[in-house]
C-alpha atoms as a PDB file:
ATOM      1  CA  UNK A   1     326.875  73.721  76.502  1.00  0.00           C
ATOM      2  CA  UNK A   2     326.798  71.262  73.583  1.00  0.00           C
ATOM      3  CA  UNK A   3     324.655  72.931  70.904  1.00  0.00           C
ATOM      4  CA  UNK A   4     324.814  69.830  68.643  1.00  0.00           C
ATOM      5  CA  UNK A   5     323.143  67.657  71.259  1.00  0.00           C
ATOM      6  CA  UNK A   6     319.568  67.739  69.821  1.00  0.00           C
ATOM      7  CA  UNK A   7     320.758  66.459  66.439  1.00  0.00           C
ATOM      8  CA  UNK A   8     322.814  63.720  68.069  1.00  0.00           C
ATOM      9  CA  UNK A   9     319.884  62.788  70.280  1.00  0.00           C
ATOM     10  CA  UNK A  10     317.554  62.538  67.302  1.00  0.00           C
ATOM     11  CA  UNK A  11     320.015  60.357  65.436  1.00  0.00           C
ATOM     12  CA  UNK A  12     320.456  58.138  68.498  1.00  0.00           C
ATOM     13  CA  UNK A  13     316.695  57.865  68.903  1.00  0.00           C
ATOM     14  CA  UNK A  14     316.331  56.851  65.263  1.00  0.00           C
ATOM     15  CA  UNK A  15     318.849  54.065  65.693  1.00  0.00           C
ATOM     16  CA  UNK A  16     317.122  52.930  68.873  1.00  0.00           C
ATOM     17  CA  UNK A  17     313.751  52.725  67.171  1.00  0.00           C
ATOM     18  CA  UNK A  18     315.149  51.126  64.050  1.00  0.00           C
ATOM     19  CA  UNK A  19     316.988  48.580  66.161  1.00  0.00           C
ATOM     20  CA  UNK A  20     313.963  47.436  68.163  1.00  0.00           C
ATOM     21  CA  UNK A  21     313.757  43.722  67.313  1.00  0.00           C
ATOM     22  CA  UNK A  22     310.946  42.494  65.067  1.00  0.00           C
ATOM     23  CA  UNK A  23     310.330  38.877  64.264  1.00  0.00           C
ATOM     24  CA  UNK A  24     308.992  37.861  60.893  1.00  0.00           C
ATOM     25  CA  UNK A  25     308.480  34.234  61.809  1.00  0.00           C
ATOM     26  CA  UNK A  26     306.413  32.367  64.337  1.00  0.00           C
ATOM     27  CA  UNK A  27     307.021  33.017  68.002  1.00  0.00           C
ATOM     28  CA  UNK A  28     306.960  30.478  70.805  1.00  0.00           C
ATOM     29  CA  UNK A  29     306.084  32.159  74.083  1.00  0.00           C
ATOM     30  CA  UNK A  30     307.132  30.679  77.395  1.00  0.00           C
ATOM     31  CA  UNK A  31     306.569  31.807  80.976  1.00  0.00           C
ATOM     32  CA  UNK A  32     308.954  31.061  83.838  1.00  0.00           C
ATOM     33  CA  UNK A  33     309.294  32.139  87.461  1.00  0.00           C
ATOM     34  CA  UNK A  34     312.662  32.185  89.228  1.00  0.00           C
ATOM     35  CA  UNK A  35     313.603  33.162  92.771  1.00  0.00           C
ATOM     36  CA  UNK A  36     316.323  32.960  95.385  1.00  0.00           C
ATOM     37  CA  UNK A  37     316.136  33.169  99.163  1.00  0.00           C
ATOM     38  CA  UNK A  38     318.377  35.359 101.266  1.00  0.00           C
ATOM     39  CA  UNK A  39     321.402  33.466 102.589  1.00  0.00           C
ATOM     40  CA  UNK A  40     323.247  35.876 104.871  1.00  0.00           C
ATOM     41  CA  UNK A  41     324.405  38.340 102.211  1.00  0.00           C
ATOM     42  CA  UNK A  42     325.626  41.706 103.489  1.00  0.00           C
ATOM     43  CA  UNK A  43     325.253  43.564 100.168  1.00  0.00           C
ATOM     44  CA  UNK A  44     324.325  42.662  96.588  1.00  0.00           C
ATOM     45  CA  UNK A  45     325.256  44.217  93.248  1.00  0.00           C
ATOM     46  CA  UNK A  46     322.133  43.860  91.058  1.00  0.00           C
ATOM     47  CA  UNK A  47     322.286  44.209  87.269  1.00  0.00           C
ATOM     48  CA  UNK A  48     319.038  44.055  85.256  1.00  0.00           C
ATOM     49  CA  UNK A  49     318.853  44.040  81.445  1.00  0.00           C
ATOM     50  CA  UNK A  50     315.584  43.991  79.485  1.00  0.00           C
ATOM     51  CA  UNK A  51     315.286  44.900  75.820  1.00  0.00           C
ATOM     52  CA  UNK A  52     311.618  45.326  74.918  1.00  0.00           C
ATOM     53  CA  UNK A  53     308.155  44.700  76.282  1.00  0.00           C
ATOM     54  CA  UNK A  54     306.555  45.477  79.632  1.00  0.00           C
ATOM     55  CA  UNK A  55     308.650  45.799  82.771  1.00  0.00           C
ATOM     56  CA  UNK A  56     307.643  46.064  86.422  1.00  0.00           C
ATOM     57  CA  UNK A  57     309.972  46.246  89.447  1.00  0.00           C
ATOM     58  CA  UNK A  58     308.955  46.641  93.082  1.00  0.00           C
ATOM     59  CA  UNK A  59     309.953  45.552  96.607  1.00  0.00           C
ATOM     60  CA  UNK A  60     309.569  41.861  97.364  1.00  0.00           C
ATOM     61  CA  UNK A  61     308.508  39.632 100.219  1.00  0.00           C
ATOM     62  CA  UNK A  62     310.626  39.224 103.382  1.00  0.00           C
ATOM     63  CA  UNK A  63     313.328  36.574 103.158  1.00  0.00           C
ATOM     64  CA  UNK A  64     313.541  36.592  99.363  1.00  0.00           C
ATOM     65  CA  UNK A  65     316.523  38.070  97.529  1.00  0.00           C
ATOM     66  CA  UNK A  66     314.545  38.237  94.293  1.00  0.00           C
ATOM     67  CA  UNK A  67     311.583  36.749  92.502  1.00  0.00           C
ATOM     68  CA  UNK A  68     311.312  37.170  88.734  1.00  0.00           C
ATOM     69  CA  UNK A  69     308.524  36.261  86.364  1.00  0.00           C
ATOM     70  CA  UNK A  70     309.290  36.311  82.624  1.00  0.00           C
ATOM     71  CA  UNK A  71     307.241  35.826  79.491  1.00  0.00           C
ATOM     72  CA  UNK A  72     309.535  35.602  76.468  1.00  0.00           C
ATOM     73  CA  UNK A  73     309.976  34.120  73.001  1.00  0.00           C
ATOM     74  CA  UNK A  74     312.047  31.006  73.620  1.00  0.00           C
ATOM     75  CA  UNK A  75     312.930  30.787  69.916  1.00  0.00           C
ATOM     76  CA  UNK A  76     314.975  33.972  70.186  1.00  0.00           C
ATOM     77  CA  UNK A  77     315.681  34.630  73.854  1.00  0.00           C
ATOM     78  CA  UNK A  78     316.629  32.943  77.068  1.00  0.00           C
ATOM     79  CA  UNK A  79     316.244  34.052  80.687  1.00  0.00           C
ATOM     80  CA  UNK A  80     319.197  35.291  82.703  1.00  0.00           C
ATOM     81  CA  UNK A  81     319.382  34.603  86.438  1.00  0.00           C
ATOM     82  CA  UNK A  82     322.972  34.365  87.637  1.00  0.00           C
ATOM     83  CA  UNK A  83     324.221  34.869  91.165  1.00  0.00           C
ATOM     84  CA  UNK A  84     327.865  34.650  92.182  1.00  0.00           C
ATOM     85  CA  UNK A  85     329.819  36.288  95.005  1.00  0.00           C
ATOM     86  CA  UNK A  86     327.356  39.065  95.685  1.00  0.00           C
ATOM     87  CA  UNK A  87     326.653  39.805  92.009  1.00  0.00           C
ATOM     88  CA  UNK A  88     323.134  39.190  90.655  1.00  0.00           C
ATOM     89  CA  UNK A  89     322.376  39.365  86.909  1.00  0.00           C
ATOM     90  CA  UNK A  90     318.742  39.216  85.795  1.00  0.00           C
ATOM     91  CA  UNK A  91     316.751  39.648  82.576  1.00  0.00           C
ATOM     92  CA  UNK A  92     316.727  38.140  79.100  1.00  0.00           C
ATOM     93  CA  UNK A  93     319.353  37.867  76.382  1.00  0.00           C
ATOM     94  CA  UNK A  94     319.122  37.045  72.690  1.00  0.00           C
ATOM     95  CA  UNK A  95     320.090  33.660  71.282  1.00  0.00           C
ATOM     96  CA  UNK A  96     319.991  34.625  67.590  1.00  0.00           C
ATOM     97  CA  UNK A  97     321.435  37.372  65.458  1.00  0.00           C
ATOM     98  CA  UNK A  98     319.404  39.934  63.514  1.00  0.00           C
ATOM     99  CA  UNK A  99     316.367  39.586  65.754  1.00  0.00           C
ATOM    100  CA  UNK A 100     313.332  41.651  64.848  1.00  0.00           C
ATOM    101  CA  UNK A 101     310.412  42.247  67.149  1.00  0.00           C
ATOM    102  CA  UNK A 102     306.782  42.336  66.128  1.00  0.00           C
ATOM    103  CA  UNK A 103     304.952  45.457  67.166  1.00  0.00           C
ATOM    104  CA  UNK A 104     302.440  43.310  69.051  1.00  0.00           C
ATOM    105  CA  UNK A 105     305.025  41.433  71.075  1.00  0.00           C
ATOM    106  CA  UNK A 106     303.984  40.757  74.656  1.00  0.00           C
ATOM    107  CA  UNK A 107     307.286  40.067  76.342  1.00  0.00           C
ATOM    108  CA  UNK A 108     306.982  40.777  80.052  1.00  0.00           C
ATOM    109  CA  UNK A 109     309.187  40.927  83.106  1.00  0.00           C
ATOM    110  CA  UNK A 110     308.103  41.296  86.715  1.00  0.00           C
ATOM    111  CA  UNK A 111     310.850  41.589  89.310  1.00  0.00           C
ATOM    112  CA  UNK A 112     310.606  41.781  93.092  1.00  0.00           C
ATOM    113  CA  UNK A 113     313.718  42.751  95.072  1.00  0.00           C
ATOM    114  CA  UNK A 114     314.592  42.394  98.759  1.00  0.00           C
ATOM    115  CA  UNK A 115     314.240  45.228 101.212  1.00  0.00           C
ATOM    116  CA  UNK A 116     316.435  43.642 103.890  1.00  0.00           C
ATOM    117  CA  UNK A 117     319.941  44.327 102.571  1.00  0.00           C
ATOM    118  CA  UNK A 118     321.808  47.130 100.771  1.00  0.00           C
ATOM    119  CA  UNK A 119     321.861  46.980  96.975  1.00  0.00           C
ATOM    120  CA  UNK A 120     323.691  48.612  94.126  1.00  0.00           C
ATOM    121  CA  UNK A 121     321.125  48.799  91.322  1.00  0.00           C
ATOM    122  CA  UNK A 122     322.144  48.940  87.655  1.00  0.00           C
ATOM    123  CA  UNK A 123     318.981  48.943  85.508  1.00  0.00           C
ATOM    124  CA  UNK A 124     319.086  49.117  81.713  1.00  0.00           C
ATOM    125  CA  UNK A 125     316.150  48.662  79.376  1.00  0.00           C
ATOM    126  CA  UNK A 126     315.267  49.614  75.833  1.00  0.00           C
ATOM    127  CA  UNK A 127     311.882  49.873  74.085  1.00  0.00           C
ATOM    128  CA  UNK A 128     309.701  49.189  77.104  1.00  0.00           C
ATOM    129  CA  UNK A 129     306.734  50.327  79.101  1.00  0.00           C
ATOM    130  CA  UNK A 130     308.238  50.420  82.565  1.00  0.00           C
ATOM    131  CA  UNK A 131     306.541  50.785  85.929  1.00  0.00           C
ATOM    132  CA  UNK A 132     309.120  50.837  88.710  1.00  0.00           C
ATOM    133  CA  UNK A 133     308.572  51.297  92.436  1.00  0.00           C
ATOM    134  CA  UNK A 134     311.906  51.425  94.257  1.00  0.00           C
ATOM    135  CA  UNK A 135     310.434  52.596  97.546  1.00  0.00           C
ATOM    136  CA  UNK A 136     311.943  51.063 100.660  1.00  0.00           C
ATOM    137  CA  UNK A 137     314.756  49.264  98.830  1.00  0.00           C
ATOM    138  CA  UNK A 138     318.104  49.954 100.498  1.00  0.00           C
ATOM    139  CA  UNK A 139     320.026  51.524  97.615  1.00  0.00           C
ATOM    140  CA  UNK A 140     323.694  52.421  97.977  1.00  0.00           C
ATOM    141  CA  UNK A 141     323.883  53.294  94.256  1.00  0.00           C
ATOM    142  CA  UNK A 142     321.404  53.682  91.416  1.00  0.00           C
ATOM    143  CA  UNK A 143     322.146  53.673  87.690  1.00  0.00           C
ATOM    144  CA  UNK A 144     319.070  53.653  85.488  1.00  0.00           C
ATOM    145  CA  UNK A 145     319.235  53.915  81.703  1.00  0.00           C
ATOM    146  CA  UNK A 146     316.345  53.718  79.251  1.00  0.00           C
ATOM    147  CA  UNK A 147     316.058  53.720  75.478  1.00  0.00           C
ATOM    148  CA  UNK A 148     312.868  54.486  73.545  1.00  0.00           C
ATOM    149  CA  UNK A 149     310.597  53.939  76.506  1.00  0.00           C
ATOM    150  CA  UNK A 150     307.546  55.077  78.418  1.00  0.00           C
ATOM    151  CA  UNK A 151     308.679  54.901  82.025  1.00  0.00           C
ATOM    152  CA  UNK A 152     307.150  55.668  85.395  1.00  0.00           C
ATOM    153  CA  UNK A 153     309.484  55.532  88.387  1.00  0.00           C
ATOM    154  CA  UNK A 154     308.357  56.049  91.969  1.00  0.00           C
ATOM    155  CA  UNK A 155     310.455  56.054  95.132  1.00  0.00           C
ATOM    156  CA  UNK A 156     307.330  55.594  97.226  1.00  0.00           C
ATOM    157  CA  UNK A 157     309.171  55.156 100.544  1.00  0.00           C
ATOM    158  CA  UNK A 158     312.401  56.711 101.859  1.00  0.00           C
ATOM    159  CA  UNK A 159     315.681  54.990 101.107  1.00  0.00           C
ATOM    160  CA  UNK A 160     317.146  54.302 104.588  1.00  0.00           C
ATOM    161  CA  UNK A 161     320.726  54.579 103.255  1.00  0.00           C
ATOM    162  CA  UNK A 162     322.367  57.847 102.246  1.00  0.00           C
ATOM    163  CA  UNK A 163     323.588  57.519  98.641  1.00  0.00           C
ATOM    164  CA  UNK A 164     326.470  59.493  97.241  1.00  0.00           C
ATOM    165  CA  UNK A 165     325.029  59.605  93.716  1.00  0.00           C
ATOM    166  CA  UNK A 166     322.219  58.440  91.439  1.00  0.00           C
ATOM    167  CA  UNK A 167     322.354  58.466  87.639  1.00  0.00           C
ATOM    168  CA  UNK A 168     319.326  58.535  85.312  1.00  0.00           C
ATOM    169  CA  UNK A 169     319.974  58.195  81.571  1.00  0.00           C
ATOM    170  CA  UNK A 170     316.979  58.728  79.289  1.00  0.00           C
ATOM    171  CA  UNK A 171     316.944  58.233  75.505  1.00  0.00           C
ATOM    172  CA  UNK A 172     313.886  58.996  73.372  1.00  0.00           C
ATOM    173  CA  UNK A 173     311.382  58.706  76.164  1.00  0.00           C
ATOM    174  CA  UNK A 174     308.371  59.777  78.142  1.00  0.00           C
ATOM    175  CA  UNK A 175     309.957  59.616  81.590  1.00  0.00           C
ATOM    176  CA  UNK A 176     308.305  60.492  84.896  1.00  0.00           C
ATOM    177  CA  UNK A 177     309.989  60.019  88.265  1.00  0.00           C
ATOM    178  CA  UNK A 178     308.192  60.724  91.538  1.00  0.00           C
ATOM    179  CA  UNK A 179     309.368  61.356  95.094  1.00  0.00           C
ATOM    180  CA  UNK A 180     313.017  62.057  94.375  1.00  0.00           C
ATOM    181  CA  UNK A 181     313.292  63.336  97.939  1.00  0.00           C
ATOM    182  CA  UNK A 182     312.943  59.735  99.122  1.00  0.00           C
ATOM    183  CA  UNK A 183     315.991  58.717  97.097  1.00  0.00           C
ATOM    184  CA  UNK A 184     318.245  60.136  99.838  1.00  0.00           C
ATOM    185  CA  UNK A 185     321.055  60.920  97.392  1.00  0.00           C
ATOM    186  CA  UNK A 186     323.657  63.666  97.652  1.00  0.00           C
ATOM    187  CA  UNK A 187     323.883  64.022  93.853  1.00  0.00           C
ATOM    188  CA  UNK A 188     321.413  63.204  91.097  1.00  0.00           C
ATOM    189  CA  UNK A 189     322.364  63.393  87.414  1.00  0.00           C
ATOM    190  CA  UNK A 190     319.838  63.212  84.585  1.00  0.00           C
ATOM    191  CA  UNK A 191     321.073  62.838  81.006  1.00  0.00           C
ATOM    192  CA  UNK A 192     318.111  63.076  78.612  1.00  0.00           C
ATOM    193  CA  UNK A 193     317.966  62.989  74.826  1.00  0.00           C
ATOM    194  CA  UNK A 194     314.518  63.582  73.336  1.00  0.00           C
ATOM    195  CA  UNK A 195     311.164  63.485  75.065  1.00  0.00           C
ATOM    196  CA  UNK A 196     308.965  64.581  77.922  1.00  0.00           C
ATOM    197  CA  UNK A 197     310.686  64.516  81.330  1.00  0.00           C
ATOM    198  CA  UNK A 198     308.973  65.088  84.679  1.00  0.00           C
ATOM    199  CA  UNK A 199     311.120  65.234  87.826  1.00  0.00           C
ATOM    200  CA  UNK A 200     309.086  65.312  91.026  1.00  0.00           C
ATOM    201  CA  UNK A 201     311.032  66.263  94.174  1.00  0.00           C
ATOM    202  CA  UNK A 202     308.445  65.335  96.772  1.00  0.00           C
ATOM    203  CA  UNK A 203     309.239  62.851  99.519  1.00  0.00           C
ATOM    204  CA  UNK A 204     310.999  62.840 102.867  1.00  0.00           C
ATOM    205  CA  UNK A 205     314.179  64.875 102.569  1.00  0.00           C
ATOM    206  CA  UNK A 206     316.960  63.731 104.901  1.00  0.00           C
ATOM    207  CA  UNK A 207     319.727  65.989 103.574  1.00  0.00           C
ATOM    208  CA  UNK A 208     320.589  68.487 100.856  1.00  0.00           C
ATOM    209  CA  UNK A 209     321.179  67.496  97.227  1.00  0.00           C
ATOM    210  CA  UNK A 210     322.606  68.766  93.956  1.00  0.00           C
ATOM    211  CA  UNK A 211     320.858  67.878  90.705  1.00  0.00           C
ATOM    212  CA  UNK A 212     322.306  68.137  87.207  1.00  0.00           C
ATOM    213  CA  UNK A 213     320.006  67.883  84.172  1.00  0.00           C
ATOM    214  CA  UNK A 214     321.495  67.715  80.664  1.00  0.00           C
ATOM    215  CA  UNK A 215     318.718  67.685  78.072  1.00  0.00           C
ATOM    216  CA  UNK A 216     318.615  67.827  74.303  1.00  0.00           C
ATOM    217  CA  UNK A 217     315.149  68.334  72.853  1.00  0.00           C
ATOM    218  CA  UNK A 218     311.856  68.231  74.703  1.00  0.00           C
ATOM    219  CA  UNK A 219     309.842  69.387  77.695  1.00  0.00           C
ATOM    220  CA  UNK A 220     311.189  69.365  81.243  1.00  0.00           C
ATOM    221  CA  UNK A 221     308.881  69.790  84.223  1.00  0.00           C
ATOM    222  CA  UNK A 222     310.359  70.319  87.685  1.00  0.00           C
ATOM    223  CA  UNK A 223     307.878  69.678  90.506  1.00  0.00           C
ATOM    224  CA  UNK A 224     308.975  70.995  93.915  1.00  0.00           C
ATOM    225  CA  UNK A 225     307.161  70.590  97.237  1.00  0.00           C
ATOM    226  CA  UNK A 226     306.443  73.773  99.128  1.00  0.00           C
ATOM    227  CA  UNK A 227     308.997  74.271 101.904  1.00  0.00           C
ATOM    228  CA  UNK A 228     311.957  72.849  99.990  1.00  0.00           C
ATOM    229  CA  UNK A 229     314.681  75.424  99.377  1.00  0.00           C
ATOM    230  CA  UNK A 230     315.418  75.567  95.650  1.00  0.00           C
ATOM    231  CA  UNK A 231     318.286  77.174  93.751  1.00  0.00           C
ATOM    232  CA  UNK A 232     318.186  76.801  89.966  1.00  0.00           C
ATOM    233  CA  UNK A 233     320.838  77.688  87.408  1.00  0.00           C
ATOM    234  CA  UNK A 234     320.172  77.237  83.698  1.00  0.00           C
ATOM    235  CA  UNK A 235     322.296  77.276  80.574  1.00  0.00           C
ATOM    236  CA  UNK A 236     319.783  77.131  77.741  1.00  0.00           C
ATOM    237  CA  UNK A 237     319.419  77.798  74.023  1.00  0.00           C
ATOM    238  CA  UNK A 238     316.024  78.397  72.385  1.00  0.00           C
ATOM    239  CA  UNK A 239     314.337  77.074  75.515  1.00  0.00           C
ATOM    240  CA  UNK A 240     311.351  78.704  77.199  1.00  0.00           C
ATOM    241  CA  UNK A 241     311.434  78.971  80.992  1.00  0.00           C
ATOM    242  CA  UNK A 242     308.520  79.316  83.403  1.00  0.00           C
ATOM    243  CA  UNK A 243     310.092  80.382  86.699  1.00  0.00           C
ATOM    244  CA  UNK A 244     306.971  80.336  88.885  1.00  0.00           C
ATOM    245  CA  UNK A 245     307.786  80.873  92.561  1.00  0.00           C
ATOM    246  CA  UNK A 246     311.447  81.715  91.907  1.00  0.00           C
ATOM    247  CA  UNK A 247     313.292  85.039  92.041  1.00  0.00           C
ATOM    248  CA  UNK A 248     316.483  85.798  90.163  1.00  0.00           C
ATOM    249  CA  UNK A 249     319.614  86.758  92.078  1.00  0.00           C
ATOM    250  CA  UNK A 250     322.724  87.079  89.981  1.00  0.00           C
ATOM    251  CA  UNK A 251     322.924  84.132  87.611  1.00  0.00           C
ATOM    252  CA  UNK A 252     320.572  81.861  89.610  1.00  0.00           C
ATOM    253  CA  UNK A 253     316.914  81.600  90.575  1.00  0.00           C
ATOM    254  CA  UNK A 254     315.947  81.046  94.217  1.00  0.00           C
ATOM    255  CA  UNK A 255     312.770  79.979  95.983  1.00  0.00           C
ATOM    256  CA  UNK A 256     311.290  82.661  98.229  1.00  0.00           C
ATOM    257  CA  UNK A 257     312.084  80.649 101.384  1.00  0.00           C
ATOM    258  CA  UNK A 258     315.620  79.608 100.443  1.00  0.00           C
ATOM    259  CA  UNK A 259     317.218  80.966 103.614  1.00  0.00           C
ATOM    260  CA  UNK A 260     314.592  79.548 105.992  1.00  0.00           C
ATOM    261  CA  UNK A 261     314.209  76.088 104.402  1.00  0.00           C
ATOM    262  CA  UNK A 262     315.421  73.066 106.363  1.00  0.00           C
ATOM    263  CA  UNK A 263     316.615  71.221 103.256  1.00  0.00           C
ATOM    264  CA  UNK A 264     317.949  72.584  99.976  1.00  0.00           C
ATOM    265  CA  UNK A 265     318.301  71.332  96.415  1.00  0.00           C
ATOM    266  CA  UNK A 266     320.500  73.020  93.821  1.00  0.00           C
ATOM    267  CA  UNK A 267     319.450  72.252  90.247  1.00  0.00           C
ATOM    268  CA  UNK A 268     321.570  72.954  87.172  1.00  0.00           C
ATOM    269  CA  UNK A 269     319.834  72.610  83.796  1.00  0.00           C
ATOM    270  CA  UNK A 270     321.686  72.467  80.483  1.00  0.00           C
ATOM    271  CA  UNK A 271     319.086  72.375  77.706  1.00  0.00           C
ATOM    272  CA  UNK A 272     319.020  73.189  73.998  1.00  0.00           C
ATOM    273  CA  UNK A 273     315.524  73.175  72.492  1.00  0.00           C
ATOM    274  CA  UNK A 274     312.213  72.894  74.303  1.00  0.00           C
ATOM    275  CA  UNK A 275     310.709  74.145  77.542  1.00  0.00           C
ATOM    276  CA  UNK A 276     311.363  74.189  81.290  1.00  0.00           C
ATOM    277  CA  UNK A 277     308.415  74.514  83.656  1.00  0.00           C
ATOM    278  CA  UNK A 278     308.538  74.891  87.436  1.00  0.00           C
ATOM    279  CA  UNK A 279     305.524  73.631  89.403  1.00  0.00           C
ATOM    280  CA  UNK A 280     305.010  73.922  93.180  1.00  0.00           C
ATOM    281  CA  UNK A 281     303.157  71.105  94.934  1.00  0.00           C
ATOM    282  CA  UNK A 282     301.448  71.386  98.314  1.00  0.00           C
END
């Protein structure tokens, strides 16, 4: 385990917060809405980039590949909406150097994505308040990375496609993800720096999964539905552990119904400073 991780995470968080843009001059806000209809695509690689502000993503209307509403400072940023050969790039990008954001900035992005075709999702955002509902979107891959954010992610409906892996990267954040069982992924990796992380494993489980959590400094809450077979292994340093509903066998902790459970999740936690709490949900 990397014992220097908390210090590195704190340093990274400091740079993230120091680098959040702040504008000393006047701002000129503009609102635009962009969209594209489906045109026989078989699969789309979607890449979303959003630096700061408020972000919302959810499933869209039938027949539409995407619909995006942006509110941005046109003096410093411009919208991005590029589609070519199955690759879709969305978000905003800076047009000036040394941008600095005001604390009261109201940049916003609302994005609606198609349910009808498989997607590879690559989502990256910085200092944002994010509210994402990825339920029902056909995901063949998910990469989600946040900076200094307050994020709520919900997979409110089952993913109809079995994913090989999903990656969640969290910086200095308050990060809650619900219904991970609906993600339908064989492997889930969570790489967290500093903050409060809640991983909720409710949902419709269609197969077994392995979960790897690498955390620096903060609180980790693992919420498991009753009836899911859970095996947990931890490699921790100065980290408290509440193992409610688990029994230790060898170097791992098991749920009481591990052998009888229809679906199983194996969770490995590598944490340095903080706490790990296990909560069972009916």
